[in-house]
């Protein structure tokens, strides 16, 4: 029993004791500080690469979208559903841009009904259409030459 225990009826942990126990634990695990330093530097490099990639992705996402009248766009469907289909697309359309108004407002024309409605330009993205149908390549499968010759 230490004098601190007798007076205060609780254990006293000095910072030197904790540091010694931590050093002892590291020594018992036989950790190499140079290897740990190399691993930490690699982790910091990877973190820096991820940060730069996230910055570039954000820059691409935030860039100003310039729409012209007559452009085809897709509209983001943000309705909350209880059980949304996992493979259902959240993008509806394509819609035609009827008019571009100031402050990011885009007036869209519904292709079937012909009605128009206004949406925020952050909810639309350019529709590039279907790519031209690629010609199907036909491969004739032949039996491999027999091993018995």
N, C-alpha and C. Protein backbone atom coordinates (compact mmCIF):
# COMPACT_ATOMS: atom_id res chain seq x y z
N UNK A 1 0.83 -1.18 0.00
CA UNK A 1 0.00 0.00 0.00
C UNK A 1 0.88 1.25 0.00
N UNK A 2 0.44 2.18 -0.84
CA UNK A 2 1.18 3.44 -0.92
C UNK A 2 0.57 4.45 0.04
N UNK A 3 1.31 5.49 0.39
CA UNK A 3 0.75 6.53 1.26
C UNK A 3 -0.48 7.20 0.64
N UNK A 4 -0.51 7.34 -0.70
CA UNK A 4 -1.67 7.93 -1.37
C UNK A 4 -2.91 7.07 -1.15
N UNK A 5 -2.71 5.74 -1.21
CA UNK A 5 -3.83 4.81 -1.01
C UNK A 5 -4.35 4.92 0.42
N UNK A 6 -3.45 5.07 1.39
CA UNK A 6 -3.86 5.15 2.78
C UNK A 6 -4.66 6.43 3.03
N UNK A 7 -4.22 7.56 2.44
CA UNK A 7 -4.87 8.83 2.69
C UNK A 7 -6.18 8.96 1.92
N UNK A 8 -6.15 8.66 0.61
CA UNK A 8 -7.31 8.92 -0.25
C UNK A 8 -8.14 7.69 -0.59
N UNK A 9 -7.69 6.55 -0.21
CA UNK A 9 -8.39 5.28 -0.41
C UNK A 9 -8.64 5.00 -1.90
N UNK A 10 -7.70 5.36 -2.74
CA UNK A 10 -7.76 5.03 -4.17
C UNK A 10 -6.35 4.99 -4.73
N UNK A 11 -6.22 4.33 -5.87
CA UNK A 11 -4.90 4.18 -6.49
C UNK A 11 -4.48 5.47 -7.16
N UNK A 12 -3.18 5.70 -7.18
CA UNK A 12 -2.62 6.88 -7.82
C UNK A 12 -1.79 6.43 -9.01
N UNK A 13 -2.11 6.93 -10.19
CA UNK A 13 -1.36 6.57 -11.40
C UNK A 13 -0.57 7.79 -11.84
N UNK A 14 0.72 7.71 -11.69
CA UNK A 14 1.59 8.79 -12.11
C UNK A 14 1.86 8.65 -13.61
N UNK A 15 2.09 9.78 -14.27
CA UNK A 15 2.32 9.75 -15.72
C UNK A 15 3.56 8.94 -16.06
N UNK A 16 4.54 8.93 -15.19
CA UNK A 16 5.76 8.15 -15.44
C UNK A 16 5.44 6.67 -15.43
N UNK A 17 4.58 6.23 -14.52
CA UNK A 17 4.18 4.83 -14.48
C UNK A 17 3.47 4.43 -15.76
N UNK A 18 2.55 5.27 -16.23
CA UNK A 18 1.80 4.96 -17.45
C UNK A 18 2.75 4.90 -18.65
N UNK A 19 3.69 5.86 -18.71
CA UNK A 19 4.65 5.87 -19.81
C UNK A 19 5.52 4.61 -19.77
N UNK A 20 5.92 4.22 -18.58
CA UNK A 20 6.74 3.01 -18.44
C UNK A 20 5.94 1.78 -18.88
N UNK A 21 4.67 1.70 -18.49
CA UNK A 21 3.84 0.55 -18.89
C UNK A 21 3.64 0.51 -20.39
N UNK A 22 3.46 1.68 -21.03
CA UNK A 22 3.30 1.73 -22.47
C UNK A 22 4.60 1.29 -23.16
N UNK A 23 5.72 1.76 -22.67
CA UNK A 23 7.01 1.35 -23.24
C UNK A 23 7.20 -0.15 -23.09
N UNK A 24 6.84 -0.69 -21.94
CA UNK A 24 6.96 -2.12 -21.69
C UNK A 24 6.07 -2.92 -22.64
N UNK A 25 4.83 -2.42 -22.89
CA UNK A 25 3.92 -3.11 -23.81
C UNK A 25 4.47 -3.10 -25.23
N UNK A 26 5.04 -1.98 -25.66
CA UNK A 26 5.63 -1.90 -27.00
C UNK A 26 6.82 -2.84 -27.10
N UNK A 27 7.62 -2.86 -26.06
CA UNK A 27 8.79 -3.74 -26.05
C UNK A 27 8.36 -5.20 -26.08
N UNK A 28 7.30 -5.54 -25.38
CA UNK A 28 6.80 -6.92 -25.37
C UNK A 28 6.27 -7.33 -26.73
N UNK A 29 5.61 -6.39 -27.43
CA UNK A 29 5.08 -6.69 -28.77
C UNK A 29 6.18 -6.74 -29.81
N UNK A 30 7.39 -6.31 -29.40
CA UNK A 30 8.55 -6.31 -30.29
C UNK A 30 8.27 -5.50 -31.55
N UNK A 31 7.69 -4.30 -31.37
CA UNK A 31 7.40 -3.43 -32.50
C UNK A 31 8.66 -2.69 -32.92
N UNK A 32 8.84 -2.58 -34.20
CA UNK A 32 9.97 -1.84 -34.74
C UNK A 32 9.49 -0.43 -35.09
N UNK A 33 10.08 0.57 -34.45
CA UNK A 33 9.63 1.94 -34.66
C UNK A 33 9.91 2.43 -36.08
N UNK A 34 10.96 1.96 -36.71
CA UNK A 34 11.24 2.39 -38.08
C UNK A 34 10.18 1.85 -39.03
N UNK A 35 9.78 0.60 -38.86
CA UNK A 35 8.72 0.03 -39.70
C UNK A 35 7.40 0.76 -39.46
N UNK A 36 7.10 1.06 -38.19
CA UNK A 36 5.86 1.78 -37.89
C UNK A 36 5.88 3.16 -38.52
N UNK A 37 7.05 3.82 -38.52
CA UNK A 37 7.16 5.13 -39.15
C UNK A 37 6.94 5.06 -40.65
N UNK A 38 7.47 4.04 -41.30
CA UNK A 38 7.28 3.87 -42.74
C UNK A 38 5.81 3.62 -43.06
N UNK A 39 5.17 2.77 -42.27
CA UNK A 39 3.74 2.49 -42.48
C UNK A 39 2.92 3.77 -42.29
N UNK A 40 3.26 4.55 -41.28
CA UNK A 40 2.52 5.80 -41.03
C UNK A 40 2.71 6.78 -42.18
N UNK A 41 3.91 6.88 -42.73
CA UNK A 41 4.15 7.76 -43.88
C UNK A 41 3.33 7.31 -45.09
N UNK A 42 3.24 6.01 -45.31
CA UNK A 42 2.42 5.49 -46.41
C UNK A 42 0.94 5.81 -46.20
N UNK A 43 0.49 5.69 -44.96
CA UNK A 43 -0.90 6.03 -44.66
C UNK A 43 -1.17 7.52 -44.91
N UNK A 44 -0.24 8.37 -44.54
CA UNK A 44 -0.40 9.81 -44.77
C UNK A 44 -0.40 10.13 -46.27
N UNK A 45 0.45 9.45 -47.05
CA UNK A 45 0.46 9.65 -48.51
C UNK A 45 -0.87 9.23 -49.11
N UNK A 46 -1.40 8.08 -48.66
CA UNK A 46 -2.68 7.60 -49.17
C UNK A 46 -3.80 8.56 -48.80
N UNK A 47 -3.76 9.10 -47.59
CA UNK A 47 -4.75 10.07 -47.16
C UNK A 47 -4.69 11.33 -48.01
N UNK A 48 -3.48 11.77 -48.34
CA UNK A 48 -3.32 12.94 -49.20
C UNK A 48 -3.88 12.69 -50.60
N UNK A 49 -3.64 11.50 -51.14
CA UNK A 49 -4.19 11.16 -52.46
C UNK A 49 -5.71 11.15 -52.43
N UNK A 50 -6.30 10.59 -51.39
CA UNK A 50 -7.75 10.56 -51.25
C UNK A 50 -8.32 11.97 -51.13
N UNK A 51 -7.62 12.84 -50.40
CA UNK A 51 -8.07 14.22 -50.25
C UNK A 51 -8.06 14.95 -51.58
N UNK A 52 -7.00 14.77 -52.35
CA UNK A 52 -6.91 15.43 -53.66
C UNK A 52 -8.00 14.91 -54.60
N UNK A 53 -8.23 13.60 -54.58
CA UNK A 53 -9.27 13.02 -55.42
C UNK A 53 -10.65 13.54 -55.03
N UNK A 54 -10.92 13.64 -53.72
CA UNK A 54 -12.20 14.17 -53.26
C UNK A 54 -12.36 15.63 -53.67
N UNK A 55 -11.28 16.39 -53.60
CA UNK A 55 -11.33 17.79 -54.01
C UNK A 55 -11.68 17.91 -55.49
N UNK A 56 -11.04 17.09 -56.32
CA UNK A 56 -11.30 17.15 -57.77
C UNK A 56 -12.73 16.70 -58.08
N UNK A 57 -13.22 15.67 -57.39
CA UNK A 57 -14.59 15.22 -57.61
C UNK A 57 -15.59 16.30 -57.22
N UNK A 58 -15.32 17.00 -56.13
CA UNK A 58 -16.19 18.08 -55.71
C UNK A 58 -16.18 19.22 -56.72
N UNK A 59 -14.99 19.53 -57.22
CA UNK A 59 -14.87 20.60 -58.21
C UNK A 59 -15.66 20.25 -59.48
N UNK A 60 -15.62 18.99 -59.89
CA UNK A 60 -16.38 18.56 -61.07
C UNK A 60 -17.87 18.67 -60.80
N UNK A 61 -18.29 18.28 -59.59
CA UNK A 61 -19.72 18.27 -59.26
C UNK A 61 -20.28 19.68 -59.16
N UNK A 62 -19.49 20.61 -58.61
CA UNK A 62 -20.00 21.94 -58.33
C UNK A 62 -19.94 22.86 -59.56
N UNK A 63 -19.17 22.51 -60.58
CA UNK A 63 -19.00 23.43 -61.69
C UNK A 63 -20.34 23.86 -62.26
N UNK A 64 -20.35 25.08 -62.78
CA UNK A 64 -21.60 25.67 -63.27
C UNK A 64 -22.10 24.91 -64.49
N UNK A 65 -23.37 24.58 -64.45
CA UNK A 65 -23.98 23.85 -65.56
C UNK A 65 -24.64 24.88 -66.48
N UNK A 66 -24.20 24.90 -67.71
CA UNK A 66 -24.78 25.81 -68.69
C UNK A 66 -25.70 25.01 -69.60
N UNK A 67 -26.98 25.29 -69.50
CA UNK A 67 -27.95 24.63 -70.36
C UNK A 67 -28.44 25.63 -71.40
N UNK A 68 -28.74 25.14 -72.58
CA UNK A 68 -29.28 25.95 -73.66
C UNK A 68 -30.70 25.48 -73.95
N UNK A 69 -31.48 26.32 -74.56
CA UNK A 69 -32.83 25.92 -74.95
C UNK A 69 -32.73 24.80 -75.97
N UNK A 70 -33.55 23.77 -75.78
CA UNK A 70 -33.55 22.63 -76.68
C UNK A 70 -32.68 21.48 -76.22
N UNK A 71 -31.84 21.68 -75.19
CA UNK A 71 -31.02 20.58 -74.67
C UNK A 71 -31.91 19.53 -74.04
N UNK A 72 -31.47 18.29 -74.11
CA UNK A 72 -32.17 17.21 -73.41
C UNK A 72 -31.46 16.97 -72.09
N UNK A 73 -32.26 16.86 -71.02
CA UNK A 73 -31.71 16.68 -69.68
C UNK A 73 -32.46 15.58 -68.96
N UNK A 74 -31.82 15.05 -67.93
CA UNK A 74 -32.45 14.08 -67.03
C UNK A 74 -32.75 14.79 -65.72
N UNK A 75 -33.88 14.46 -65.10
CA UNK A 75 -34.31 15.09 -63.86
C UNK A 75 -34.14 14.10 -62.72
N UNK A 76 -33.51 14.54 -61.63
CA UNK A 76 -33.31 13.68 -60.46
C UNK A 76 -34.62 13.55 -59.70
N UNK A 77 -35.04 12.31 -59.47
CA UNK A 77 -36.28 12.03 -58.76
C UNK A 77 -35.94 11.88 -57.28
N UNK A 78 -36.31 12.85 -56.47
CA UNK A 78 -35.93 12.83 -55.06
C UNK A 78 -37.08 12.44 -54.14
N UNK A 79 -38.12 11.83 -54.69
CA UNK A 79 -39.24 11.43 -53.83
C UNK A 79 -38.80 10.36 -52.85
N UNK A 80 -39.24 10.49 -51.61
CA UNK A 80 -38.90 9.53 -50.57
C UNK A 80 -39.84 8.34 -50.69
N UNK A 81 -39.26 7.17 -50.79
CA UNK A 81 -40.05 5.95 -50.87
C UNK A 81 -39.68 5.05 -49.71
N UNK A 82 -40.64 4.24 -49.28
CA UNK A 82 -40.34 3.34 -48.17
C UNK A 82 -39.40 2.23 -48.60
N UNK A 83 -39.68 1.62 -49.73
CA UNK A 83 -38.83 0.53 -50.22
C UNK A 83 -38.43 0.83 -51.67
N UNK A 84 -37.48 1.71 -51.89
CA UNK A 84 -37.10 1.99 -53.27
C UNK A 84 -36.42 0.79 -53.90
N UNK A 85 -36.66 0.58 -55.17
CA UNK A 85 -36.01 -0.52 -55.86
C UNK A 85 -34.52 -0.27 -55.95
N UNK A 86 -33.75 -1.27 -55.65
CA UNK A 86 -32.30 -1.08 -55.63
C UNK A 86 -31.77 -0.76 -57.02
N UNK A 87 -32.37 -1.36 -58.02
CA UNK A 87 -31.85 -1.17 -59.37
C UNK A 87 -32.62 -0.13 -60.16
N UNK A 88 -33.59 0.53 -59.54
CA UNK A 88 -34.35 1.57 -60.24
C UNK A 88 -33.48 2.82 -60.36
N UNK A 89 -33.56 3.45 -61.50
CA UNK A 89 -32.81 4.68 -61.70
C UNK A 89 -33.54 5.84 -61.03
N UNK A 90 -32.80 6.72 -60.41
CA UNK A 90 -33.38 7.90 -59.79
C UNK A 90 -33.51 9.04 -60.79
N UNK A 91 -33.09 8.84 -62.02
CA UNK A 91 -33.11 9.89 -63.03
C UNK A 91 -34.25 9.63 -63.99
N UNK A 92 -35.14 10.61 -64.15
CA UNK A 92 -36.29 10.52 -65.05
C UNK A 92 -35.99 11.34 -66.30
N UNK A 93 -36.61 10.94 -67.37
CA UNK A 93 -36.49 11.78 -68.56
C UNK A 93 -36.21 10.96 -69.78
N UNK A 94 -35.79 11.56 -70.81
CA UNK A 94 -35.25 12.91 -70.95
C UNK A 94 -36.33 13.96 -71.14
N UNK A 95 -36.05 15.16 -70.66
CA UNK A 95 -36.90 16.33 -70.83
C UNK A 95 -36.18 17.34 -71.72
N UNK A 96 -36.92 18.21 -72.34
CA UNK A 96 -36.34 19.28 -73.16
C UNK A 96 -36.30 20.56 -72.34
N UNK A 97 -35.22 21.29 -72.44
CA UNK A 97 -35.10 22.59 -71.78
C UNK A 97 -35.86 23.60 -72.62
N UNK A 98 -36.89 24.22 -72.00
CA UNK A 98 -37.67 25.23 -72.71
C UNK A 98 -37.06 26.61 -72.53
N UNK A 99 -36.64 26.90 -71.29
CA UNK A 99 -36.09 28.23 -71.02
C UNK A 99 -35.15 28.15 -69.82
N UNK A 100 -34.06 28.89 -69.89
CA UNK A 100 -33.12 28.99 -68.77
C UNK A 100 -33.30 30.36 -68.14
N UNK A 101 -33.64 30.37 -66.86
CA UNK A 101 -33.91 31.61 -66.15
C UNK A 101 -32.76 31.92 -65.21
N UNK A 102 -32.70 33.12 -64.69
CA UNK A 102 -31.59 33.46 -63.78
C UNK A 102 -31.68 32.70 -62.45
N UNK A 103 -30.57 32.71 -61.73
CA UNK A 103 -30.45 32.09 -60.40
C UNK A 103 -30.64 30.58 -60.44
N UNK A 104 -30.27 29.93 -61.54
CA UNK A 104 -30.27 28.47 -61.60
C UNK A 104 -31.62 27.83 -61.81
N UNK A 105 -32.58 28.54 -62.33
CA UNK A 105 -33.90 27.96 -62.59
C UNK A 105 -33.95 27.51 -64.04
N UNK A 106 -34.43 26.29 -64.25
CA UNK A 106 -34.56 25.75 -65.60
C UNK A 106 -36.02 25.34 -65.79
N UNK A 107 -36.61 25.78 -66.89
CA UNK A 107 -37.98 25.40 -67.21
C UNK A 107 -37.93 24.24 -68.19
N UNK A 108 -38.54 23.12 -67.79
CA UNK A 108 -38.49 21.89 -68.58
C UNK A 108 -39.82 21.63 -69.25
N UNK A 109 -39.75 20.97 -70.39
CA UNK A 109 -40.94 20.60 -71.15
C UNK A 109 -41.06 19.08 -71.12
N UNK A 110 -42.21 18.58 -70.63
CA UNK A 110 -42.45 17.15 -70.59
C UNK A 110 -42.72 16.67 -72.01
N UNK A 111 -42.03 15.62 -72.49
CA UNK A 111 -42.16 15.23 -73.89
C UNK A 111 -43.53 14.66 -74.26
N UNK A 112 -44.18 13.90 -73.36
CA UNK A 112 -45.46 13.29 -73.71
C UNK A 112 -46.63 14.25 -73.54
N UNK A 113 -46.72 14.89 -72.37
CA UNK A 113 -47.89 15.71 -72.09
C UNK A 113 -47.74 17.15 -72.59
N UNK A 114 -46.54 17.60 -72.80
CA UNK A 114 -46.31 18.96 -73.26
C UNK A 114 -46.41 20.01 -72.17
N UNK A 115 -46.54 19.59 -70.91
CA UNK A 115 -46.59 20.55 -69.80
C UNK A 115 -45.19 21.03 -69.46
N UNK A 116 -45.12 22.22 -68.89
CA UNK A 116 -43.83 22.76 -68.48
C UNK A 116 -43.81 22.92 -66.96
N UNK A 117 -42.63 22.80 -66.39
CA UNK A 117 -42.45 23.01 -64.96
C UNK A 117 -41.03 23.50 -64.72
N UNK A 118 -40.85 24.18 -63.59
CA UNK A 118 -39.55 24.78 -63.26
C UNK A 118 -38.87 23.95 -62.18
N UNK A 119 -37.58 23.79 -62.35
CA UNK A 119 -36.78 23.05 -61.36
C UNK A 119 -35.45 23.78 -61.16
N UNK A 120 -34.78 23.43 -60.09
CA UNK A 120 -33.45 23.95 -59.81
C UNK A 120 -32.46 23.24 -60.72
N UNK A 121 -31.47 23.96 -61.22
CA UNK A 121 -30.52 23.35 -62.16
C UNK A 121 -29.64 22.30 -61.50
N UNK A 122 -29.59 22.25 -60.16
CA UNK A 122 -28.82 21.21 -59.49
C UNK A 122 -29.51 19.86 -59.60
N UNK A 123 -30.79 19.84 -59.93
CA UNK A 123 -31.53 18.58 -60.04
C UNK A 123 -31.51 18.00 -61.44
N UNK A 124 -30.86 18.65 -62.38
CA UNK A 124 -30.83 18.14 -63.75
C UNK A 124 -29.39 17.94 -64.20
N UNK A 125 -29.23 17.00 -65.12
CA UNK A 125 -27.93 16.80 -65.75
C UNK A 125 -28.16 16.54 -67.22
N UNK A 126 -27.14 16.84 -68.00
CA UNK A 126 -27.24 16.72 -69.45
C UNK A 126 -27.45 15.26 -69.85
N UNK A 127 -28.33 15.06 -70.82
CA UNK A 127 -28.62 13.73 -71.34
C UNK A 127 -27.91 13.61 -72.68
N UNK A 128 -27.05 12.63 -72.78
CA UNK A 128 -26.25 12.47 -73.99
C UNK A 128 -26.88 11.50 -74.98
N UNK A 129 -27.99 10.89 -74.61
CA UNK A 129 -28.69 9.99 -75.52
C UNK A 129 -28.01 8.64 -75.59
N UNK A 130 -28.67 7.77 -76.30
CA UNK A 130 -28.10 6.44 -76.48
C UNK A 130 -27.00 6.51 -77.51
N UNK A 131 -25.97 5.78 -77.27
CA UNK A 131 -24.89 5.70 -78.25
C UNK A 131 -25.41 4.90 -79.44
N UNK A 132 -24.81 5.12 -80.58
CA UNK A 132 -25.26 4.40 -81.76
C UNK A 132 -25.10 2.90 -81.54
N UNK A 133 -26.05 2.17 -82.06
CA UNK A 133 -26.05 0.72 -81.86
C UNK A 133 -24.79 0.13 -82.50
N UNK A 134 -24.03 -0.55 -81.72
CA UNK A 134 -22.83 -1.19 -82.25
C UNK A 134 -23.26 -2.44 -83.00
N UNK A 135 -22.57 -2.71 -84.05
CA UNK A 135 -22.87 -3.90 -84.80
C UNK A 135 -22.50 -5.11 -83.96
N UNK A 136 -23.35 -6.08 -84.00
CA UNK A 136 -23.09 -7.29 -83.24
C UNK A 136 -22.06 -8.13 -83.99
N UNK A 137 -21.09 -8.58 -83.28
CA UNK A 137 -20.10 -9.45 -83.89
C UNK A 137 -20.55 -10.88 -83.69
N UNK A 138 -20.48 -11.63 -84.74
CA UNK A 138 -20.89 -13.03 -84.68
C UNK A 138 -19.63 -13.88 -84.66
N UNK A 139 -19.55 -14.71 -83.67
CA UNK A 139 -18.42 -15.62 -83.56
C UNK A 139 -18.94 -17.02 -83.81
N UNK A 140 -18.31 -17.71 -84.73
CA UNK A 140 -18.66 -19.09 -84.97
C UNK A 140 -17.77 -19.95 -84.09
N UNK A 141 -18.43 -20.75 -83.29
CA UNK A 141 -17.69 -21.61 -82.38
C UNK A 141 -17.45 -22.94 -83.05
N UNK A 142 -16.24 -23.31 -83.13
CA UNK A 142 -15.89 -24.59 -83.73
C UNK A 142 -15.34 -25.48 -82.65
N UNK A 143 -15.49 -26.76 -82.88
CA UNK A 143 -14.91 -27.71 -81.95
C UNK A 143 -13.40 -27.64 -82.04
N UNK A 144 -12.74 -27.72 -80.91
CA UNK A 144 -11.27 -27.69 -80.95
C UNK A 144 -10.74 -28.94 -81.64
N UNK A 145 -9.58 -28.84 -82.23
CA UNK A 145 -9.03 -30.03 -82.85
C UNK A 145 -8.82 -31.11 -81.83
N UNK A 146 -9.17 -32.31 -82.21
CA UNK A 146 -9.08 -33.42 -81.25
C UNK A 146 -7.64 -33.73 -80.94
N UNK A 147 -7.44 -34.23 -79.75
CA UNK A 147 -6.09 -34.57 -79.30
C UNK A 147 -5.62 -35.86 -79.96
N UNK A 148 -6.58 -36.62 -80.50
CA UNK A 148 -6.19 -37.89 -81.14
C UNK A 148 -5.95 -37.64 -82.63
N UNK A 149 -4.76 -37.61 -83.06
CA UNK A 149 -4.44 -37.45 -84.49
C UNK A 149 -3.77 -38.66 -85.02
